Protein backbone atom coordinates (compact mmCIF):
# COMPACT_ATOMS: atom_id res chain seq x y z
CA MET A 1 60.96 -39.20 64.91
CA ALA A 2 57.67 -40.43 66.54
CA GLU A 3 55.07 -37.61 66.97
CA ILE A 4 52.97 -38.62 70.00
CA VAL A 5 52.64 -35.19 71.68
CA TYR A 6 52.71 -32.55 69.05
CA PRO A 7 49.66 -33.45 66.91
CA PRO A 8 47.32 -33.60 70.04
CA VAL A 9 48.69 -30.14 71.32
CA ILE A 10 47.88 -28.66 67.95
CA ALA A 11 44.43 -30.11 68.03
CA ALA A 12 43.73 -28.93 71.57
CA ALA A 13 44.97 -25.50 70.60
CA ARG A 14 42.90 -25.29 67.55
CA THR A 15 39.81 -26.43 69.54
CA LEU A 16 40.48 -23.70 72.10
CA PHE A 17 40.88 -20.95 69.66
CA ARG A 18 37.61 -22.06 67.99
CA MET A 19 35.80 -21.88 71.28
CA LEU A 20 37.18 -18.47 72.02
CA ASP A 21 36.49 -17.35 68.43
CA ILE A 22 40.08 -16.07 67.93
CA ARG A 23 40.11 -14.55 64.50
CA ILE A 24 43.36 -15.83 63.02
CA LYS A 25 44.34 -14.39 59.64
CA MET A 26 47.15 -16.12 57.90
CA GLU A 27 48.96 -14.60 54.97
CA GLY A 28 51.94 -16.11 52.78
CA THR A 29 51.91 -19.49 54.31
CA GLU A 30 52.84 -20.90 50.75
CA HIS A 31 56.30 -19.68 51.42
CA VAL A 32 56.93 -22.40 54.02
CA PRO A 33 58.51 -25.28 52.05
CA ARG A 34 56.62 -28.65 52.19
CA THR A 35 59.94 -30.52 52.41
CA GLY A 36 63.48 -29.92 53.51
CA GLY A 37 65.09 -27.87 56.29
CA ALA A 38 64.34 -24.19 56.98
CA VAL A 39 64.85 -21.62 59.72
CA LEU A 40 61.75 -19.91 60.62
CA VAL A 41 62.38 -16.57 62.29
CA SER A 42 59.58 -14.80 64.10
CA ASN A 43 59.18 -11.58 65.91
CA HIS A 44 58.53 -12.03 69.68
CA ILE A 45 55.77 -10.13 71.49
CA SER A 46 54.13 -12.78 73.55
CA TYR A 47 54.96 -15.86 75.68
CA LEU A 48 52.55 -17.75 73.35
CA ASP A 49 54.36 -16.86 70.24
CA PHE A 50 55.67 -20.41 69.57
CA ILE A 51 52.10 -21.57 69.26
CA PHE A 52 51.14 -19.06 66.64
CA ALA A 53 54.41 -19.02 64.65
CA GLY A 54 54.07 -22.74 64.56
CA PHE A 55 50.52 -22.40 62.93
CA ALA A 56 52.34 -20.74 60.00
CA ALA A 57 53.84 -24.08 58.97
CA LEU A 58 50.52 -26.12 59.27
CA PRO A 59 49.21 -25.47 55.80
CA SER A 60 52.45 -26.83 54.50
CA LYS A 61 51.75 -29.98 56.78
CA ARG A 62 55.09 -29.21 58.68
CA LEU A 63 55.98 -29.05 62.34
CA VAL A 64 58.41 -26.55 63.78
CA ARG A 65 61.15 -27.34 66.40
CA PHE A 66 61.43 -24.09 68.46
CA MET A 67 64.65 -23.04 70.23
CA ALA A 68 63.54 -21.82 73.69
CA LYS A 69 65.07 -21.19 77.12
CA GLU A 70 65.95 -24.06 79.27
CA ASP A 71 63.72 -22.87 82.01
CA VAL A 72 60.69 -23.73 80.00
CA PHE A 73 61.81 -27.30 79.71
CA GLN A 74 62.31 -27.55 83.45
CA HIS A 75 58.70 -26.43 84.25
CA ARG A 76 56.62 -29.33 85.57
CA ILE A 77 53.86 -28.68 82.96
CA SER A 78 55.43 -27.14 79.95
CA GLY A 79 58.70 -29.34 80.27
CA PRO A 80 57.21 -32.64 79.23
CA LEU A 81 55.23 -30.94 76.47
CA MET A 82 58.37 -29.22 75.13
CA ARG A 83 60.36 -32.36 75.19
CA GLY A 84 57.49 -34.42 73.64
CA MET A 85 57.33 -31.99 70.78
CA HIS A 86 61.02 -32.29 70.25
CA HIS A 87 61.77 -28.42 70.66
CA ILE A 88 65.33 -27.38 71.49
CA PRO A 89 66.40 -26.27 74.94
CA VAL A 90 68.86 -23.20 74.98
CA ASP A 91 71.27 -22.85 77.85
CA ARG A 92 72.28 -19.13 77.50
CA GLY A 93 75.52 -19.86 79.36
CA ALA A 94 76.36 -22.64 76.99
CA GLY A 95 74.70 -22.38 73.85
CA ALA A 96 76.99 -24.57 71.72
CA GLY A 97 74.94 -27.73 72.45
CA SER A 98 71.71 -26.31 71.37
CA TYR A 99 73.13 -24.76 68.22
CA ALA A 100 74.62 -28.20 67.37
CA THR A 101 71.23 -29.76 67.82
CA ALA A 102 69.63 -27.20 65.66
CA LEU A 103 72.13 -27.77 62.77
CA ARG A 104 71.57 -31.50 63.07
CA MET A 105 67.84 -30.96 62.75
CA LEU A 106 68.03 -28.66 59.80
CA LYS A 107 70.37 -31.13 58.06
CA ALA A 108 67.83 -33.80 58.76
CA GLY A 109 65.10 -31.76 56.89
CA GLU A 110 63.26 -30.26 59.88
CA ILE A 111 62.13 -26.62 60.34
CA VAL A 112 63.72 -24.95 63.25
CA GLY A 113 61.99 -21.91 64.81
CA VAL A 114 63.96 -19.04 66.18
CA PHE A 115 62.92 -15.87 68.10
CA ALA A 116 66.04 -13.96 66.83
CA GLU A 117 65.47 -10.88 69.09
CA ALA A 118 66.23 -13.27 72.03
CA THR A 119 63.61 -11.70 74.29
CA ILE A 120 60.13 -10.30 74.11
CA SER A 121 59.86 -6.80 72.65
CA ARG A 122 58.11 -4.63 75.21
CA SER A 123 57.75 -1.80 72.45
CA PHE A 124 56.23 -4.28 70.16
CA THR A 125 58.57 -3.18 67.39
CA VAL A 126 61.30 -5.52 66.15
CA LYS A 127 64.51 -5.45 68.34
CA GLU A 128 67.92 -6.07 67.14
CA ILE A 129 68.23 -9.31 65.24
CA LYS A 130 70.81 -11.78 66.45
CA ASN A 131 72.82 -13.46 63.84
CA GLY A 132 72.46 -17.09 64.98
CA ALA A 133 69.68 -17.70 62.67
CA ILE A 134 71.66 -16.42 59.68
CA ARG A 135 74.73 -18.57 60.58
CA MET A 136 72.53 -21.66 60.91
CA ALA A 137 70.92 -21.14 57.57
CA GLN A 138 74.37 -20.64 55.95
CA ALA A 139 75.86 -23.68 57.53
CA THR A 140 73.06 -25.99 56.51
CA LYS A 141 72.22 -24.41 53.10
CA THR A 142 68.69 -23.87 54.13
CA PRO A 143 66.38 -20.87 53.62
CA ILE A 144 65.16 -18.30 56.35
CA ILE A 145 61.38 -17.92 56.59
CA PRO A 146 60.44 -14.53 58.13
CA VAL A 147 57.22 -14.47 60.17
CA ALA A 148 55.48 -11.55 61.65
CA LEU A 149 52.87 -11.96 64.55
CA TRP A 150 50.36 -9.43 65.70
CA GLY A 151 47.79 -9.79 68.32
CA SER A 152 49.26 -12.40 70.47
CA GLN A 153 50.61 -9.79 73.03
CA ARG A 154 46.92 -9.16 74.09
CA PHE A 155 46.89 -12.73 75.76
CA TRP A 156 50.19 -12.68 77.71
CA THR A 157 53.14 -10.59 77.38
CA LYS A 158 56.15 -9.21 79.47
CA GLY A 159 55.01 -6.98 82.31
CA ARG A 160 51.30 -7.58 81.84
CA PRO A 161 48.97 -9.94 83.56
CA LYS A 162 47.70 -13.14 81.72
CA SER A 163 44.34 -12.82 79.84
CA LEU A 164 44.46 -16.21 78.11
CA PHE A 165 40.64 -16.69 77.66
CA GLN A 166 39.68 -13.40 75.83
CA ARG A 167 37.13 -13.92 73.08
CA HIS A 168 37.05 -12.63 69.52
CA VAL A 169 40.57 -11.23 69.44
CA PRO A 170 42.00 -10.82 65.89
CA LEU A 171 45.47 -12.29 65.32
CA THR A 172 47.57 -11.91 62.31
CA ILE A 173 50.22 -14.38 61.18
CA THR A 174 52.20 -13.21 58.13
CA VAL A 175 54.85 -15.26 56.38
CA GLY A 176 57.28 -13.53 54.07
CA GLU A 177 59.34 -14.71 51.07
CA PRO A 178 62.28 -17.03 51.84
CA ILE A 179 65.82 -15.60 52.15
CA TYR A 180 68.83 -17.71 51.10
CA PRO A 181 71.95 -16.55 52.78
CA LYS A 182 75.06 -18.30 51.33
CA ARG A 183 78.25 -19.25 53.07
CA GLY A 184 80.86 -16.58 52.93
CA GLU A 185 78.28 -13.67 52.75
CA ASN A 186 78.24 -10.99 55.30
CA VAL A 187 76.23 -12.26 58.35
CA ASP A 188 75.52 -8.81 59.79
CA GLU A 189 74.16 -7.51 56.47
CA HIS A 190 71.83 -10.37 56.36
CA ALA A 191 70.69 -9.74 59.90
CA ALA A 192 70.04 -6.04 58.98
CA ASP A 193 68.10 -7.15 55.93
CA LEU A 194 66.07 -9.56 57.96
CA HIS A 195 65.25 -6.85 60.52
CA THR A 196 64.10 -4.60 57.73
CA ARG A 197 61.83 -7.11 56.23
CA MET A 198 60.36 -8.22 59.53
CA SER A 199 59.87 -4.58 60.69
CA GLU A 200 57.91 -3.97 57.39
CA MET A 201 55.81 -7.03 57.89
CA VAL A 202 55.03 -6.23 61.48
CA ASP A 203 54.21 -2.55 60.71
CA ARG A 204 51.80 -3.58 57.95
CA ALA A 205 50.06 -6.03 60.30
CA GLN A 206 49.80 -3.38 62.99
CA ARG A 207 48.34 -0.72 60.51
CA ASN A 208 45.89 -3.18 59.08
CA TYR A 209 44.71 -4.69 62.29
CA PRO A 210 40.93 -4.53 62.46
CA GLU A 211 40.44 -3.45 66.14
CA VAL A 212 42.55 -0.53 67.58
CA PRO A 213 40.87 1.49 70.25
CA PRO A 214 42.77 4.73 70.91
CA GLY A 215 45.65 4.65 73.46
CA VAL A 216 45.58 0.97 74.16
CA TRP A 217 48.56 -0.50 75.97
CA TRP A 218 49.11 -3.32 73.28
CA GLN A 219 49.65 -0.66 70.32
CA PRO A 220 53.18 0.60 69.72
CA ALA A 221 53.78 4.18 70.81
CA HIS A 222 54.48 5.40 67.11
CA LEU A 223 51.01 4.30 66.20
CA GLY A 224 49.35 6.09 69.18
CA GLY A 225 49.51 3.20 71.69
CA THR A 226 50.82 3.44 75.26
CA ALA A 227 53.47 0.63 74.96
CA PRO A 228 56.99 1.83 75.92
CA THR A 229 59.05 3.37 73.12
CA PRO A 230 62.04 1.36 71.87
CA GLU A 231 64.20 3.35 74.06
CA GLU A 232 62.13 3.03 77.19
CA ALA A 233 61.85 -0.76 76.53
CA ALA A 234 65.61 -1.06 76.28
CA ALA A 235 65.96 0.75 79.66
CA LEU A 236 63.44 -1.63 81.35
CA ASP A 237 65.26 -4.65 79.66
CA ALA A 238 68.50 -3.31 81.05
CA ALA A 239 67.15 -2.82 84.62
CA GLU A 240 65.72 -6.31 84.52
CA ALA A 241 69.02 -7.74 83.46
CA GLU A 242 70.88 -5.94 86.17
CA SER A 243 68.41 -7.15 88.67
CA ARG A 244 68.76 -10.76 87.62
CA ALA A 245 72.55 -10.54 87.71
CA LYS A 246 72.46 -9.42 91.37
CA GLN A 247 70.33 -12.31 92.21
CA GLU A 248 72.63 -14.91 90.64
């Protein structure tokens, strides 16, 4: 497929990050295959995660087609960009179409990006992993590539104001070893294994992060930060879902 939009967007992002001196540290990028389909599964802590998770594939000279909420594609600015980069819109009320598109892309040798927690984690710990990514990998005989992001929440996350032009922010992108789920294997067991792996990767990134003032909002509660605990975050998510349902 023609790549008219994606390369200029990457170039612009790289230029901006250099200007802001965003200190990106990437590990394990050799695990991203240079050819063939793969399901890249990242944790989700920021509205900008698709940018940084996509960076994980650049050393392998690959582009990632992310599955994202249909709302993003309807926005007057982000919509044309998302469509131009051939990302995959997801209608949560009718997900079969986006799932079929993702399978088609995987079979064509593309890397499909998935935020398997479905929504941003307010606690900055890994939420429950949905099994759609596992099913896609099984159906297309492609590997799952786990990715852990840390630091992106400082720019723009749920419940916090945007702070897009901070300077000198450290950001960690860690790629784990591929997982090869086979047809017929237990989907829920694979999801639990993926959750464990990603949690370990995120925890390691958090503990090795070079800049952690005491009591900051962007650090998880179990490491001394003031982010909501997983239980508090779940209650906030439930209240938000209830409010949204009343408005529909």
